Amino acid sequence: MSDKLKFPLNGILQERKLKDAQMRATINQKLVETGERERLKELLRARLIECGWRDELKAYCKEIVQQKGLEHITVDDLVSEMTPRGRSLVPDEVKKELLQRIRTFLAQQSNM
């Protein structure tokens, strides 16, 4: 690809990233201002407890500490090991429910 094509494409991608970041910031601000962010966090917390996610992750944490030894592991090590597993264990139905709640919220906001 020639430099003439690369640079405009880079500019377009950077502009798109900036717009996406601005959109995320605006949405987050609306979620915070209305209290919806806290309600979504509480819903997520409740659903993760209901499905056993929290207990499963706690057991995994204990397993890691037992394998490596308490004196040979840091909090950062635990977070690094547990984060991918924790994300992969969130049930699809929980993700879908939260996404639907966010979509509904955004639709209501755009109608105001």
PDB file of N, CA and C in Angstrom:
ATOM      1  N   MET A   1       0.854  -1.174   0.000  1.00  0.00           N
ATOM      2  CA  MET A   1       0.000   0.000   0.000  1.00  0.00           C
ATOM      3  C   MET A   1       0.896   1.233   0.000  1.00  0.00           C
ATOM      4  N   SER A   2       0.571   2.192  -0.811  1.00  0.00           N
ATOM      5  CA  SER A   2       1.396   3.400  -0.903  1.00  0.00           C
ATOM      6  C   SER A   2       1.185   4.277   0.328  1.00  0.00           C
ATOM      7  N   ASP A   3       2.181   5.147   0.577  1.00  0.00           N
ATOM      8  CA  ASP A   3       2.085   6.059   1.716  1.00  0.00           C
ATOM      9  C   ASP A   3       0.869   6.973   1.600  1.00  0.00           C
ATOM     10  N   LYS A   4       0.506   7.326   0.364  1.00  0.00           N
ATOM     11  CA  LYS A   4      -0.646   8.209   0.157  1.00  0.00           C
ATOM     12  C   LYS A   4      -1.925   7.570   0.686  1.00  0.00           C
ATOM     13  N   LEU A   5      -2.019   6.257   0.563  1.00  0.00           N
ATOM     14  CA  LEU A   5      -3.209   5.564   1.041  1.00  0.00           C
ATOM     15  C   LEU A   5      -3.126   5.272   2.532  1.00  0.00           C
ATOM     16  N   LYS A   6      -1.938   5.008   3.048  1.00  0.00           N
ATOM     17  CA  LYS A   6      -1.781   4.678   4.464  1.00  0.00           C
ATOM     18  C   LYS A   6      -2.150   5.844   5.366  1.00  0.00           C
ATOM     19  N   PHE A   7      -1.610   7.011   5.068  1.00  0.00           N
ATOM     20  CA  PHE A   7      -1.794   8.138   5.972  1.00  0.00           C
ATOM     21  C   PHE A   7      -3.244   8.598   6.081  1.00  0.00           C
ATOM     22  N   PRO A   8      -3.990   8.734   4.984  1.00  0.00           N
ATOM     23  CA  PRO A   8      -5.405   9.092   5.148  1.00  0.00           C
ATOM     24  C   PRO A   8      -6.165   8.025   5.935  1.00  0.00           C
ATOM     25  N   LEU A   9      -5.829   6.767   5.710  1.00  0.00           N
ATOM     26  CA  LEU A   9      -6.487   5.690   6.437  1.00  0.00           C
ATOM     27  C   LEU A   9      -6.185   5.792   7.923  1.00  0.00           C
ATOM     28  N   ASN A  10      -4.923   6.071   8.266  1.00  0.00           N
ATOM     29  CA  ASN A  10      -4.560   6.248   9.672  1.00  0.00           C
ATOM     30  C   ASN A  10      -5.342   7.398  10.295  1.00  0.00           C
ATOM     31  N   GLY A  11      -5.470   8.489   9.557  1.00  0.00           N
ATOM     32  CA  GLY A  11      -6.225   9.639  10.051  1.00  0.00           C
ATOM     33  C   GLY A  11      -7.685   9.303  10.285  1.00  0.00           C
ATOM     34  N   ILE A  12      -8.261   8.550   9.375  1.00  0.00           N
ATOM     35  CA  ILE A  12      -9.663   8.133   9.505  1.00  0.00           C
ATOM     36  C   ILE A  12      -9.830   7.234  10.722  1.00  0.00           C
ATOM     37  N   LEU A  13      -8.902   6.287  10.897  1.00  0.00           N
ATOM     38  CA  LEU A  13      -8.976   5.384  12.045  1.00  0.00           C
ATOM     39  C   LEU A  13      -8.824   6.141  13.361  1.00  0.00           C
ATOM     40  N   GLN A  14      -7.899   7.082  13.403  1.00  0.00           N
ATOM     41  CA  GLN A  14      -7.704   7.879  14.618  1.00  0.00           C
ATOM     42  C   GLN A  14      -8.939   8.718  14.924  1.00  0.00           C
ATOM     43  N   GLU A  15      -9.530   9.284  13.892  1.00  0.00           N
ATOM     44  CA  GLU A  15     -10.740  10.084  14.073  1.00  0.00           C
ATOM     45  C   GLU A  15     -11.877   9.212  14.602  1.00  0.00           C
ATOM     46  N   ARG A  16     -11.985   8.009  14.064  1.00  0.00           N
ATOM     47  CA  ARG A  16     -13.030   7.078  14.509  1.00  0.00           C
ATOM     48  C   ARG A  16     -12.822   6.682  15.971  1.00  0.00           C
ATOM     49  N   LYS A  17     -11.564   6.423  16.332  1.00  0.00           N
ATOM     50  CA  LYS A  17     -11.259   6.071  17.724  1.00  0.00           C
ATOM     51  C   LYS A  17     -11.610   7.217  18.661  1.00  0.00           C
ATOM     52  N   LEU A  18     -11.323   8.433  18.244  1.00  0.00           N
ATOM     53  CA  LEU A  18     -11.636   9.607  19.051  1.00  0.00           C
ATOM     54  C   LEU A  18     -13.146   9.748  19.227  1.00  0.00           C
ATOM     55  N   LYS A  19     -13.900   9.581  18.144  1.00  0.00           N
ATOM     56  CA  LYS A  19     -15.361   9.670  18.227  1.00  0.00           C
ATOM     57  C   LYS A  19     -15.926   8.575  19.125  1.00  0.00           C
ATOM     58  N   ASP A  20     -15.380   7.354  19.004  1.00  0.00           N
ATOM     59  CA  ASP A  20     -15.825   6.252  19.857  1.00  0.00           C
ATOM     60  C   ASP A  20     -15.556   6.557  21.327  1.00  0.00           C
ATOM     61  N   ALA A  21     -14.382   7.093  21.616  1.00  0.00           N
ATOM     62  CA  ALA A  21     -14.023   7.433  22.994  1.00  0.00           C
ATOM     63  C   ALA A  21     -14.947   8.521  23.537  1.00  0.00           C
ATOM     64  N   GLN A  22     -15.255   9.507  22.703  1.00  0.00           N
ATOM     65  CA  GLN A  22     -16.163  10.579  23.117  1.00  0.00           C
ATOM     66  C   GLN A  22     -17.563  10.028  23.381  1.00  0.00           C
ATOM     67  N   MET A  23     -18.010   9.108  22.525  1.00  0.00           N
ATOM     68  CA  MET A  23     -19.330   8.501  22.695  1.00  0.00           C
ATOM     69  C   MET A  23     -19.381   7.693  23.997  1.00  0.00           C
ATOM     70  N   ARG A  24     -18.337   6.903  24.249  1.00  0.00           N
ATOM     71  CA  ARG A  24     -18.289   6.126  25.497  1.00  0.00           C
ATOM     72  C   ARG A  24     -18.318   7.049  26.711  1.00  0.00           C
ATOM     73  N   ALA A  25     -17.585   8.149  26.651  1.00  0.00           N
ATOM     74  CA  ALA A  25     -17.554   9.100  27.766  1.00  0.00           C
ATOM     75  C   ALA A  25     -18.929   9.720  27.992  1.00  0.00           C
ATOM     76  N   THR A  26     -19.615  10.065  26.916  1.00  0.00           N
ATOM     77  CA  THR A  26     -20.948  10.658  27.017  1.00  0.00           C
ATOM     78  C   THR A  26     -21.937   9.663  27.612  1.00  0.00           C
ATOM     79  N   ILE A  27     -21.892   8.436  27.133  1.00  0.00           N
ATOM     80  CA  ILE A  27     -22.790   7.394  27.651  1.00  0.00           C
ATOM     81  C   ILE A  27     -22.501   7.150  29.125  1.00  0.00           C
ATOM     82  N   ASN A  28     -21.230   7.032  29.476  1.00  0.00           N
ATOM     83  CA  ASN A  28     -20.863   6.797  30.870  1.00  0.00           C
ATOM     84  C   ASN A  28     -21.343   7.945  31.757  1.00  0.00           C
ATOM     85  N   GLN A  29     -21.210   9.174  31.274  1.00  0.00           N
ATOM     86  CA  GLN A  29     -21.657  10.333  32.040  1.00  0.00           C
ATOM     87  C   GLN A  29     -23.161  10.253  32.297  1.00  0.00           C
ATOM     88  N   LYS A  30     -23.928   9.896  31.268  1.00  0.00           N
ATOM     89  CA  LYS A  30     -25.385   9.761  31.418  1.00  0.00           C
ATOM     90  C   LYS A  30     -25.727   8.651  32.410  1.00  0.00           C
ATOM     91  N   LEU A  31     -25.008   7.534  32.311  1.00  0.00           N
ATOM     92  CA  LEU A  31     -25.248   6.423  33.230  1.00  0.00           C
ATOM     93  C   LEU A  31     -24.994   6.852  34.673  1.00  0.00           C
ATOM     94  N   VAL A  32     -23.924   7.592  34.890  1.00  0.00           N
ATOM     95  CA  VAL A  32     -23.579   8.051  36.241  1.00  0.00           C
ATOM     96  C   VAL A  32     -24.597   9.076  36.737  1.00  0.00           C
ATOM     97  N   GLU A  33     -24.896  10.069  35.912  1.00  0.00           N
ATOM     98  CA  GLU A  33     -25.807  11.153  36.307  1.00  0.00           C
ATOM     99  C   GLU A  33     -27.181  10.640  36.713  1.00  0.00           C
ATOM    100  N   THR A  34     -27.661   9.624  36.031  1.00  0.00           N
ATOM    101  CA  THR A  34     -29.011   9.112  36.293  1.00  0.00           C
ATOM    102  C   THR A  34     -29.041   8.037  37.373  1.00  0.00           C
ATOM    103  N   GLY A  35     -27.861   7.567  37.786  1.00  0.00           N
ATOM    104  CA  GLY A  35     -27.808   6.495  38.773  1.00  0.00           C
ATOM    105  C   GLY A  35     -27.925   5.114  38.150  1.00  0.00           C
ATOM    106  N   GLU A  36     -28.076   5.064  36.839  1.00  0.00           N
ATOM    107  CA  GLU A  36     -28.238   3.776  36.154  1.00  0.00           C
ATOM    108  C   GLU A  36     -26.975   2.928  36.250  1.00  0.00           C
ATOM    109  N   ARG A  37     -25.826   3.556  36.274  1.00  0.00           N
ATOM    110  CA  ARG A  37     -24.563   2.806  36.363  1.00  0.00           C
ATOM    111  C   ARG A  37     -24.532   1.977  37.651  1.00  0.00           C
ATOM    112  N   GLU A  38     -24.920   2.587  38.759  1.00  0.00           N
ATOM    113  CA  GLU A  38     -24.944   1.866  40.038  1.00  0.00           C
ATOM    114  C   GLU A  38     -25.978   0.747  40.014  1.00  0.00           C
ATOM    115  N   ARG A  39     -27.141   1.012  39.413  1.00  0.00           N
ATOM    116  CA  ARG A  39     -28.167  -0.034  39.318  1.00  0.00           C
ATOM    117  C   ARG A  39     -27.670  -1.204  38.474  1.00  0.00           C
ATOM    118  N   LEU A  40     -26.970  -0.908  37.381  1.00  0.00           N
ATOM    119  CA  LEU A  40     -26.419  -1.968  36.532  1.00  0.00           C
ATOM    120  C   LEU A  40     -25.350  -2.764  37.277  1.00  0.00           C
ATOM    121  N   LYS A  41     -24.519  -2.071  38.044  1.00  0.00           N
ATOM    122  CA  LYS A  41     -23.487  -2.763  38.824  1.00  0.00           C
ATOM    123  C   LYS A  41     -24.115  -3.695  39.858  1.00  0.00           C
ATOM    124  N   GLU A  42     -25.170  -3.227  40.508  1.00  0.00           N
ATOM    125  CA  GLU A  42     -25.859  -4.059  41.498  1.00  0.00           C
ATOM    126  C   GLU A  42     -26.511  -5.274  40.840  1.00  0.00           C
ATOM    127  N   LEU A  43     -27.124  -5.056  39.678  1.00  0.00           N
ATOM    128  CA  LEU A  43     -27.726  -6.161  38.938  1.00  0.00           C
ATOM    129  C   LEU A  43     -26.659  -7.184  38.565  1.00  0.00           C
ATOM    130  N   LEU A  44     -25.544  -6.712  38.041  1.00  0.00           N
ATOM    131  CA  LEU A  44     -24.453  -7.606  37.664  1.00  0.00           C
ATOM    132  C   LEU A  44     -23.951  -8.382  38.875  1.00  0.00           C
ATOM    133  N   ARG A  45     -23.733  -7.688  39.973  1.00  0.00           N
ATOM    134  CA  ARG A  45     -23.249  -8.339  41.192  1.00  0.00           C
ATOM    135  C   ARG A  45     -24.218  -9.448  41.630  1.00  0.00           C
ATOM    136  N   ALA A  46     -25.499  -9.138  41.627  1.00  0.00           N
ATOM    137  CA  ALA A  46     -26.508 -10.117  42.042  1.00  0.00           C
ATOM    138  C   ALA A  46     -26.536 -11.324  41.105  1.00  0.00           C
ATOM    139  N   ARG A  47     -26.511 -11.070  39.801  1.00  0.00           N
ATOM    140  CA  ARG A  47     -26.558 -12.170  38.829  1.00  0.00           C
ATOM    141  C   ARG A  47     -25.320 -13.066  38.937  1.00  0.00           C
ATOM    142  N   LEU A  48     -24.156 -12.466  39.160  1.00  0.00           N
ATOM    143  CA  LEU A  48     -22.929 -13.255  39.267  1.00  0.00           C
ATOM    144  C   LEU A  48     -22.936 -14.117  40.523  1.00  0.00           C
ATOM    145  N   ILE A  49     -23.513 -13.610  41.593  1.00  0.00           N
ATOM    146  CA  ILE A  49     -23.631 -14.415  42.813  1.00  0.00           C
ATOM    147  C   ILE A  49     -24.625 -15.549  42.585  1.00  0.00           C
ATOM    148  N   GLU A  50     -25.777 -15.227  41.969  1.00  0.00           N
ATOM    149  CA  GLU A  50     -26.820 -16.229  41.705  1.00  0.00           C
ATOM    150  C   GLU A  50     -26.309 -17.403  40.885  1.00  0.00           C
ATOM    151  N   CYS A  51     -25.474 -17.129  39.888  1.00  0.00           N
ATOM    152  CA  CYS A  51     -25.032 -18.194  38.981  1.00  0.00           C
ATOM    153  C   CYS A  51     -23.799 -18.938  39.503  1.00  0.00           C
ATOM    154  N   GLY A  52     -23.270 -18.516  40.646  1.00  0.00           N
ATOM    155  CA  GLY A  52     -22.121 -19.209  41.220  1.00  0.00           C
ATOM    156  C   GLY A  52     -20.773 -18.716  40.722  1.00  0.00           C
ATOM    157  N   TRP A  53     -20.779 -17.670  39.919  1.00  0.00           N
ATOM    158  CA  TRP A  53     -19.539 -17.118  39.360  1.00  0.00           C
ATOM    159  C   TRP A  53     -18.582 -16.699  40.462  1.00  0.00           C
ATOM    160  N   ARG A  54     -19.107 -15.998  41.435  1.00  0.00           N
ATOM    161  CA  ARG A  54     -18.270 -15.484  42.526  1.00  0.00           C
ATOM    162  C   ARG A  54     -17.596 -16.623  43.290  1.00  0.00           C
ATOM    163  N   ASP A  55     -18.372 -17.650  43.627  1.00  0.00           N
ATOM    164  CA  ASP A  55     -17.819 -18.795  44.360  1.00  0.00           C
ATOM    165  C   ASP A  55     -16.774 -19.530  43.533  1.00  0.00           C
ATOM    166  N   GLU A  56     -17.045 -19.665  42.238  1.00  0.00           N
ATOM    167  CA  GLU A  56     -16.108 -20.353  41.351  1.00  0.00           C
ATOM    168  C   GLU A  56     -14.784 -19.586  41.249  1.00  0.00           C
ATOM    169  N   LEU A  57     -14.882 -18.279  41.157  1.00  0.00           N
ATOM    170  CA  LEU A  57     -13.673 -17.462  41.063  1.00  0.00           C
ATOM    171  C   LEU A  57     -12.904 -17.455  42.385  1.00  0.00           C
ATOM    172  N   LYS A  58     -13.636 -17.462  43.483  1.00  0.00           N
ATOM    173  CA  LYS A  58     -12.989 -17.514  44.799  1.00  0.00           C
ATOM    174  C   LYS A  58     -12.222 -18.825  44.959  1.00  0.00           C
ATOM    175  N   ALA A  59     -12.820 -19.922  44.519  1.00  0.00           N
ATOM    176  CA  ALA A  59     -12.152 -21.226  44.588  1.00  0.00           C
ATOM    177  C   ALA A  59     -10.910 -21.239  43.698  1.00  0.00           C
ATOM    178  N   TYR A  60     -11.006 -20.629  42.528  1.00  0.00           N
ATOM    179  CA  TYR A  60      -9.862 -20.551  41.619  1.00  0.00           C
ATOM    180  C   TYR A  60      -8.731 -19.739  42.249  1.00  0.00           C
ATOM    181  N   CYS A  61      -9.076 -18.680  42.921  1.00  0.00           N
ATOM    182  CA  CYS A  61      -8.087 -17.844  43.606  1.00  0.00           C
ATOM    183  C   CYS A  61      -7.353 -18.662  44.673  1.00  0.00           C
ATOM    184  N   LYS A  62      -8.103 -19.409  45.458  1.00  0.00           N
ATOM    185  CA  LYS A  62      -7.486 -20.251  46.495  1.00  0.00           C
ATOM    186  C   LYS A  62      -6.555 -21.285  45.872  1.00  0.00           C
ATOM    187  N   GLU A  63      -6.984 -21.838  44.746  1.00  0.00           N
ATOM    188  CA  GLU A  63      -6.173 -22.829  44.032  1.00  0.00           C
ATOM    189  C   GLU A  63      -4.839 -22.223  43.584  1.00  0.00           C
ATOM    190  N   ILE A  64      -4.878 -21.030  43.044  1.00  0.00           N
ATOM    191  CA  ILE A  64      -3.661 -20.354  42.589  1.00  0.00           C
ATOM    192  C   ILE A  64      -2.723 -20.109  43.765  1.00  0.00           C
ATOM    193  N   VAL A  65      -3.278 -19.620  44.877  1.00  0.00           N
ATOM    194  CA  VAL A  65      -2.457 -19.329  46.057  1.00  0.00           C
ATOM    195  C   VAL A  65      -1.836 -20.612  46.600  1.00  0.00           C
ATOM    196  N   GLN A  66      -2.592 -21.696  46.616  1.00  0.00           N
ATOM    197  CA  GLN A  66      -2.049 -22.973  47.098  1.00  0.00           C
ATOM    198  C   GLN A  66      -0.942 -23.481  46.191  1.00  0.00           C
ATOM    199  N   GLN A  67      -1.109 -23.331  44.881  1.00  0.00           N
ATOM    200  CA  GLN A  67      -0.098 -23.801  43.933  1.00  0.00           C
ATOM    201  C   GLN A  67       1.194 -23.003  44.031  1.00  0.00           C
ATOM    202  N   LYS A  68       1.080 -21.693  44.132  1.00  0.00           N
ATOM    203  CA  LYS A  68       2.264 -20.831  44.093  1.00  0.00           C
ATOM    204  C   LYS A  68       2.820 -20.520  45.470  1.00  0.00           C
ATOM    205  N   GLY A  69       1.993 -20.638  46.473  1.00  0.00           N
ATOM    206  CA  GLY A  69       2.408 -20.289  47.822  1.00  0.00           C
ATOM    207  C   GLY A  69       2.156 -18.821  48.097  1.00  0.00           C
ATOM    208  N   LEU A  70       1.614 -18.546  49.255  1.00  0.00           N
ATOM    209  CA  LEU A  70       1.225 -17.188  49.622  1.00  0.00           C
ATOM    210  C   LEU A  70       2.389 -16.212  49.571  1.00  0.00           C
ATOM    211  N   GLU A  71       3.571 -16.683  49.944  1.00  0.00           N
ATOM    212  CA  GLU A  71       4.736 -15.795  49.967  1.00  0.00           C
ATOM    213  C   GLU A  71       5.328 -15.549  48.583  1.00  0.00           C
ATOM    214  N   HIS A  72       4.861 -16.281  47.577  1.00  0.00           N
ATOM    215  CA  HIS A  72       5.412 -16.153  46.221  1.00  0.00           C
ATOM    216  C   HIS A  72       4.441 -15.528  45.221  1.00  0.00           C
ATOM    217  N   ILE A  73       3.382 -14.924  45.715  1.00  0.00           N
ATOM    218  CA  ILE A  73       2.397 -14.344  44.801  1.00  0.00           C
ATOM    219  C   ILE A  73       1.971 -12.966  45.302  1.00  0.00           C
ATOM    220  N   THR A  74       1.752 -12.072  44.365  1.00  0.00           N
ATOM    221  CA  THR A  74       1.286 -10.726  44.708  1.00  0.00           C
ATOM    222  C   THR A  74      -0.165 -10.566  44.268  1.00  0.00           C
ATOM    223  N   VAL A  75      -0.768  -9.503  44.725  1.00  0.00           N
ATOM    224  CA  VAL A  75      -2.140  -9.201  44.309  1.00  0.00           C
ATOM    225  C   VAL A  75      -2.180  -9.006  42.793  1.00  0.00           C
ATOM    226  N   ASP A  76      -1.174  -8.325  42.255  1.00  0.00           N
ATOM    227  CA  ASP A  76      -1.117  -8.117  40.799  1.00  0.00           C
ATOM    228  C   ASP A  76      -1.040  -9.441  40.048  1.00  0.00           C
ATOM    229  N   ASP A  77      -0.270 -10.403  40.587  1.00  0.00           N
ATOM    230  CA  ASP A  77      -0.189 -11.735  39.973  1.00  0.00           C
ATOM    231  C   ASP A  77      -1.570 -12.391  39.953  1.00  0.00           C
ATOM    232  N   LEU A  78      -2.266 -12.309  41.076  1.00  0.00           N
ATOM    233  CA  LEU A  78      -3.603 -12.905  41.164  1.00  0.00           C
ATOM    234  C   LEU A  78      -4.552 -12.261  40.159  1.00  0.00           C
ATOM    235  N   VAL A  79      -4.535 -10.954  40.098  1.00  0.00           N
ATOM    236  CA  VAL A  79      -5.417 -10.246  39.161  1.00  0.00           C
ATOM    237  C   VAL A  79      -5.104 -10.659  37.730  1.00  0.00           C
ATOM    238  N   SER A  80      -3.822 -10.736  37.396  1.00  0.00           N
ATOM    239  CA  SER A  80      -3.419 -11.124  36.034  1.00  0.00           C
ATOM    240  C   SER A  80      -3.894 -12.526  35.677  1.00  0.00           C
ATOM    241  N   GLU A  81      -3.836 -13.429  36.630  1.00  0.00           N
ATOM    242  CA  GLU A  81      -4.260 -14.810  36.360  1.00  0.00           C
ATOM    243  C   GLU A  81      -5.771 -14.961  36.365  1.00  0.00           C
ATOM    244  N   MET A  82      -6.442 -14.218  37.232  1.00  0.00           N
ATOM    245  CA  MET A  82      -7.874 -14.414  37.406  1.00  0.00           C
ATOM    246  C   MET A  82      -8.729 -13.644  36.404  1.00  0.00           C
ATOM    247  N   THR A  83      -8.256 -12.523  35.918  1.00  0.00           N
ATOM    248  CA  THR A  83      -9.075 -11.683  35.041  1.00  0.00           C
ATOM    249  C   THR A  83      -9.564 -12.407  33.787  1.00  0.00           C
ATOM    250  N   PRO A  84      -8.681 -13.057  33.017  1.00  0.00           N
ATOM    251  CA  PRO A  84      -9.191 -13.749  31.819  1.00  0.00           C
ATOM    252  C   PRO A  84     -10.203 -14.844  32.166  1.00  0.00           C
ATOM    253  N   ARG A  85      -9.914 -15.582  33.230  1.00  0.00           N
ATOM    254  CA  ARG A  85     -10.824 -16.653  33.645  1.00  0.00           C
ATOM    255  C   ARG A  85     -12.163 -16.069  34.093  1.00  0.00           C
ATOM    256  N   GLY A  86     -12.098 -15.010  34.878  1.00  0.00           N
ATOM    257  CA  GLY A  86     -13.326 -14.381  35.361  1.00  0.00           C
ATOM    258  C   GLY A  86     -14.202 -13.885  34.226  1.00  0.00           C
ATOM    259  N   ARG A  87     -13.586 -13.265  33.246  1.00  0.00           N
ATOM    260  CA  ARG A  87     -14.355 -12.755  32.101  1.00  0.00           C
ATOM    261  C   ARG A  87     -14.975 -13.893  31.303  1.00  0.00           C
ATOM    262  N   SER A  88     -14.232 -14.958  31.131  1.00  0.00           N
ATOM    263  CA  SER A  88     -14.744 -16.073  30.324  1.00  0.00           C
ATOM    264  C   SER A  88     -15.863 -16.835  31.035  1.00  0.00           C
ATOM    265  N   LEU A  89     -15.917 -16.734  32.353  1.00  0.00           N
ATOM    266  CA  LEU A  89     -16.930 -17.463  33.113  1.00  0.00           C
ATOM    267  C   LEU A  89     -18.257 -16.718  33.259  1.00  0.00           C
ATOM    268  N   VAL A  90     -18.308 -15.461  32.845  1.00  0.00           N
ATOM    269  CA  VAL A  90     -19.576 -14.726  32.934  1.00  0.00           C
ATOM    270  C   VAL A  90     -20.552 -15.353  31.938  1.00  0.00           C
ATOM    271  N   PRO A  91     -21.685 -15.854  32.433  1.00  0.00           N
ATOM    272  CA  PRO A  91     -22.642 -16.513  31.536  1.00  0.00           C
ATOM    273  C   PRO A  91     -23.177 -15.566  30.457  1.00  0.00           C
ATOM    274  N   ASP A  92     -23.395 -16.115  29.277  1.00  0.00           N
ATOM    275  CA  ASP A  92     -23.909 -15.321  28.159  1.00  0.00           C
ATOM    276  C   ASP A  92     -25.234 -14.645  28.500  1.00  0.00           C
ATOM    277  N   GLU A  93     -26.095 -15.342  29.252  1.00  0.00           N
ATOM    278  CA  GLU A  93     -27.395 -14.744  29.571  1.00  0.00           C
ATOM    279  C   GLU A  93     -27.239 -13.507  30.460  1.00  0.00           C
ATOM    280  N   VAL A  94     -26.220 -13.490  31.305  1.00  0.00           N
ATOM    281  CA  VAL A  94     -25.958 -12.307  32.134  1.00  0.00           C
ATOM    282  C   VAL A  94     -25.480 -11.156  31.250  1.00  0.00           C
ATOM    283  N   LYS A  95     -24.582 -11.461  30.324  1.00  0.00           N
ATOM    284  CA  LYS A  95     -24.095 -10.430  29.394  1.00  0.00           C
ATOM    285  C   LYS A  95     -25.253  -9.868  28.569  1.00  0.00           C
ATOM    286  N   LYS A  96     -26.114 -10.761  28.076  1.00  0.00           N
ATOM    287  CA  LYS A  96     -27.247 -10.330  27.252  1.00  0.00           C
ATOM    288  C   LYS A  96     -28.215  -9.456  28.042  1.00  0.00           C
ATOM    289  N   GLU A  97     -28.473  -9.844  29.289  1.00  0.00           N
ATOM    290  CA  GLU A  97     -29.396  -9.066  30.121  1.00  0.00           C
ATOM    291  C   GLU A  97     -28.862  -7.653  30.355  1.00  0.00           C
ATOM    292  N   LEU A  98     -27.589  -7.546  30.675  1.00  0.00           N
ATOM    293  CA  LEU A  98     -27.004  -6.223  30.898  1.00  0.00           C
ATOM    294  C   LEU A  98     -26.988  -5.396  29.618  1.00  0.00           C
ATOM    295  N   LEU A  99     -26.632  -6.018  28.520  1.00  0.00           N
ATOM    296  CA  LEU A  99     -26.617  -5.307  27.243  1.00  0.00           C
ATOM    297  C   LEU A  99     -28.012  -4.796  26.893  1.00  0.00           C
ATOM    298  N   GLN A 100     -29.026  -5.611  27.136  1.00  0.00           N
ATOM    299  CA  GLN A 100     -30.400  -5.187  26.853  1.00  0.00           C
ATOM    300  C   GLN A 100     -30.807  -4.020  27.743  1.00  0.00           C
ATOM    301  N   ARG A 101     -30.412  -4.074  29.005  1.00  0.00           N
ATOM    302  CA  ARG A 101     -30.721  -2.960  29.925  1.00  0.00           C
ATOM    303  C   ARG A 101     -30.050  -1.671  29.456  1.00  0.00           C
ATOM    304  N   ILE A 102     -28.813  -1.771  28.989  1.00  0.00           N
ATOM    305  CA  ILE A 102     -28.092  -0.590  28.500  1.00  0.00           C
ATOM    306  C   ILE A 102     -28.763  -0.048  27.244  1.00  0.00           C
ATOM    307  N   ARG A 103     -29.139  -0.946  26.339  1.00  0.00           N
ATOM    308  CA  ARG A 103     -29.822  -0.510  25.111  1.00  0.00           C
ATOM    309  C   ARG A 103     -31.142   0.189  25.428  1.00  0.00           C
ATOM    310  N   THR A 104     -31.898  -0.379  26.354  1.00  0.00           N
ATOM    311  CA  THR A 104     -33.173   0.218  26.753  1.00  0.00           C
ATOM    312  C   THR A 104     -32.943   1.602  27.347  1.00  0.00           C
ATOM    313  N   PHE A 105     -31.943   1.702  28.207  1.00  0.00           N
ATOM    314  CA  PHE A 105     -31.598   2.990  28.811  1.00  0.00           C
ATOM    315  C   PHE A 105     -31.258   4.019  27.741  1.00  0.00           C
ATOM    316  N   LEU A 106     -30.411   3.630  26.789  1.00  0.00           N
ATOM    317  CA  LEU A 106     -30.002   4.557  25.728  1.00  0.00           C
ATOM    318  C   LEU A 106     -31.187   4.971  24.859  1.00  0.00           C
ATOM    319  N   ALA A 107     -32.082   4.032  24.587  1.00  0.00           N
ATOM    320  CA  ALA A 107     -33.271   4.352  23.792  1.00  0.00           C
ATOM    321  C   ALA A 107     -34.151   5.354  24.535  1.00  0.00           C
ATOM    322  N   GLN A 108     -34.305   5.167  25.836  1.00  0.00           N
ATOM    323  CA  GLN A 108     -35.101   6.103  26.635  1.00  0.00           C
ATOM    324  C   GLN A 108     -34.454   7.482  26.663  1.00  0.00           C
ATOM    325  N   GLN A 109     -33.141   7.523  26.747  1.00  0.00           N
ATOM    326  CA  GLN A 109     -32.425   8.800  26.786  1.00  0.00           C
ATOM    327  C   GLN A 109     -32.564   9.551  25.465  1.00  0.00           C
ATOM    328  N   SER A 110     -32.560   8.818  24.364  1.00  0.00           N
ATOM    329  CA  SER A 110     -32.653   9.485  23.059  1.00  0.00           C
ATOM    330  C   SER A 110     -34.067   9.995  22.790  1.00  0.00           C
ATOM    331  N   ASN A 111     -35.066   9.454  23.512  1.00  0.00           N
ATOM    332  CA  ASN A 111     -36.451   9.906  23.347  1.00  0.00           C
ATOM    333  C   ASN A 111     -36.762  11.135  24.191  1.00  0.00           C
ATOM    334  N   MET A 112     -35.879  11.506  25.094  1.00  0.00           N
ATOM    335  CA  MET A 112     -36.137  12.640  25.990  1.00  0.00           C
ATOM    336  C   MET A 112     -35.759  13.943  25.346  1.00  0.00           C
TER     337      MET A 112
END
